[in-house]
Amino acid sequence: MGQANFEWAEGYTKRFGLVYVDFQNQERTPKQSFYFVQQVIRDNTVPDS
């Protein structure tokens, strides 16, 4: 199985994206990465590490 297709084998168990979705009630919760991307967009720059 190729690297690009690895996630397909995991089904819905692997979580990607900027927002966590609870499949039971469809509630969405922003992840830390969401706030990072939000800051990058707002400030138009990538913060120093």
N, C-alpha and C. Protein backbone atom coordinates (compact mmCIF):
# COMPACT_ATOMS: atom_id res chain seq x y z
N MET A 1 0.86 -1.17 0.00
CA MET A 1 0.00 0.00 0.00
C MET A 1 0.90 1.23 0.00
N GLY A 2 0.61 2.17 -0.85
CA GLY A 2 1.41 3.38 -0.95
C GLY A 2 1.21 4.32 0.22
N GLN A 3 2.18 5.15 0.47
CA GLN A 3 2.12 6.11 1.57
C GLN A 3 0.90 7.03 1.44
N ALA A 4 0.60 7.48 0.24
CA ALA A 4 -0.51 8.40 0.05
C ALA A 4 -1.86 7.74 0.34
N ASN A 5 -1.92 6.43 0.27
CA ASN A 5 -3.18 5.72 0.49
C ASN A 5 -3.30 5.13 1.89
N PHE A 6 -2.31 5.35 2.74
CA PHE A 6 -2.31 4.74 4.06
C PHE A 6 -3.56 5.12 4.86
N GLU A 7 -3.97 6.38 4.77
CA GLU A 7 -5.12 6.85 5.56
C GLU A 7 -6.40 6.13 5.18
N TRP A 8 -6.53 5.73 3.93
CA TRP A 8 -7.76 5.08 3.49
C TRP A 8 -8.02 3.80 4.26
N ALA A 9 -6.97 3.10 4.63
CA ALA A 9 -7.12 1.85 5.37
C ALA A 9 -7.60 2.09 6.80
N GLU A 10 -7.44 3.31 7.30
CA GLU A 10 -7.81 3.62 8.68
C GLU A 10 -9.28 3.99 8.83
N GLY A 11 -9.97 4.20 7.73
CA GLY A 11 -11.38 4.57 7.81
C GLY A 11 -11.57 5.89 8.53
N TYR A 12 -12.51 5.93 9.47
CA TYR A 12 -12.78 7.16 10.22
C TYR A 12 -12.01 7.23 11.53
N THR A 13 -11.06 6.32 11.74
CA THR A 13 -10.34 6.32 13.01
C THR A 13 -9.23 7.35 13.05
N LYS A 14 -8.65 7.72 11.92
CA LYS A 14 -7.63 8.76 11.88
C LYS A 14 -8.31 10.11 11.76
N ARG A 15 -7.87 11.05 12.56
CA ARG A 15 -8.49 12.38 12.58
C ARG A 15 -7.54 13.39 11.95
N PHE A 16 -8.01 14.03 10.88
CA PHE A 16 -7.26 15.07 10.20
C PHE A 16 -8.05 16.36 10.28
N GLY A 17 -7.45 17.43 9.86
CA GLY A 17 -8.18 18.68 9.77
C GLY A 17 -7.96 19.60 10.95
N LEU A 18 -8.63 20.72 10.91
CA LEU A 18 -8.48 21.77 11.91
C LEU A 18 -9.56 21.73 12.98
N VAL A 19 -10.60 20.94 12.75
CA VAL A 19 -11.73 20.88 13.68
C VAL A 19 -12.05 19.43 13.98
N TYR A 20 -12.18 19.11 15.27
CA TYR A 20 -12.60 17.77 15.68
C TYR A 20 -14.11 17.69 15.58
N VAL A 21 -14.61 16.62 14.98
CA VAL A 21 -16.06 16.41 14.86
C VAL A 21 -16.44 15.18 15.68
N ASP A 22 -17.38 15.37 16.59
CA ASP A 22 -17.95 14.26 17.35
C ASP A 22 -19.04 13.65 16.49
N PHE A 23 -18.82 12.43 16.01
CA PHE A 23 -19.77 11.81 15.08
C PHE A 23 -21.10 11.45 15.75
N GLN A 24 -21.13 11.40 17.07
CA GLN A 24 -22.37 11.07 17.77
C GLN A 24 -23.38 12.22 17.71
N ASN A 25 -22.88 13.44 17.94
CA ASN A 25 -23.81 14.58 18.00
C ASN A 25 -23.46 15.70 17.00
N GLN A 26 -22.46 15.46 16.17
CA GLN A 26 -22.02 16.42 15.15
C GLN A 26 -21.45 17.71 15.73
N GLU A 27 -21.12 17.71 17.03
CA GLU A 27 -20.50 18.89 17.64
C GLU A 27 -19.09 19.06 17.11
N ARG A 28 -18.73 20.29 16.81
CA ARG A 28 -17.41 20.59 16.27
C ARG A 28 -16.61 21.38 17.29
N THR A 29 -15.34 20.98 17.47
CA THR A 29 -14.45 21.62 18.41
C THR A 29 -13.14 21.96 17.71
N PRO A 30 -12.76 23.24 17.67
CA PRO A 30 -11.50 23.61 17.02
C PRO A 30 -10.31 22.98 17.73
N LYS A 31 -9.35 22.49 16.95
CA LYS A 31 -8.10 21.95 17.48
C LYS A 31 -7.09 23.09 17.64
N GLN A 32 -5.95 22.82 18.29
CA GLN A 32 -4.90 23.84 18.43
C GLN A 32 -4.43 24.31 17.06
N SER A 33 -4.39 23.41 16.09
CA SER A 33 -3.95 23.78 14.74
C SER A 33 -4.89 24.81 14.12
N PHE A 34 -6.16 24.78 14.48
CA PHE A 34 -7.12 25.77 13.99
C PHE A 34 -6.69 27.17 14.39
N TYR A 35 -6.33 27.31 15.66
CA TYR A 35 -5.95 28.63 16.16
C TYR A 35 -4.62 29.10 15.57
N PHE A 36 -3.71 28.16 15.29
CA PHE A 36 -2.45 28.50 14.63
C PHE A 36 -2.73 29.05 13.24
N VAL A 37 -3.53 28.34 12.46
CA VAL A 37 -3.85 28.78 11.10
C VAL A 37 -4.61 30.10 11.14
N GLN A 38 -5.50 30.25 12.10
CA GLN A 38 -6.24 31.50 12.26
C GLN A 38 -5.28 32.68 12.47
N GLN A 39 -4.26 32.48 13.31
CA GLN A 39 -3.28 33.53 13.57
C GLN A 39 -2.45 33.84 12.32
N VAL A 40 -2.04 32.81 11.59
CA VAL A 40 -1.27 33.01 10.36
C VAL A 40 -2.08 33.84 9.37
N ILE A 41 -3.35 33.52 9.21
CA ILE A 41 -4.20 34.26 8.27
C ILE A 41 -4.41 35.70 8.76
N ARG A 42 -4.70 35.84 10.04
CA ARG A 42 -4.96 37.17 10.60
C ARG A 42 -3.74 38.09 10.49
N ASP A 43 -2.55 37.55 10.84
CA ASP A 43 -1.33 38.36 10.87
C ASP A 43 -0.59 38.38 9.54
N ASN A 44 -1.02 37.53 8.62
CA ASN A 44 -0.37 37.42 7.30
C ASN A 44 1.11 37.08 7.42
N THR A 45 1.44 36.28 8.42
CA THR A 45 2.82 35.84 8.62
C THR A 45 2.82 34.58 9.49
N VAL A 46 3.89 33.81 9.39
CA VAL A 46 4.04 32.62 10.23
C VAL A 46 4.83 33.03 11.47
N PRO A 47 4.32 32.76 12.67
CA PRO A 47 5.03 33.17 13.89
C PRO A 47 6.35 32.43 14.04
N ASP A 48 7.29 33.06 14.74
CA ASP A 48 8.57 32.42 15.02
C ASP A 48 8.35 31.21 15.91
N SER A 49 9.21 30.21 15.73
CA SER A 49 9.07 29.00 16.56
C SER A 49 9.91 29.09 17.79
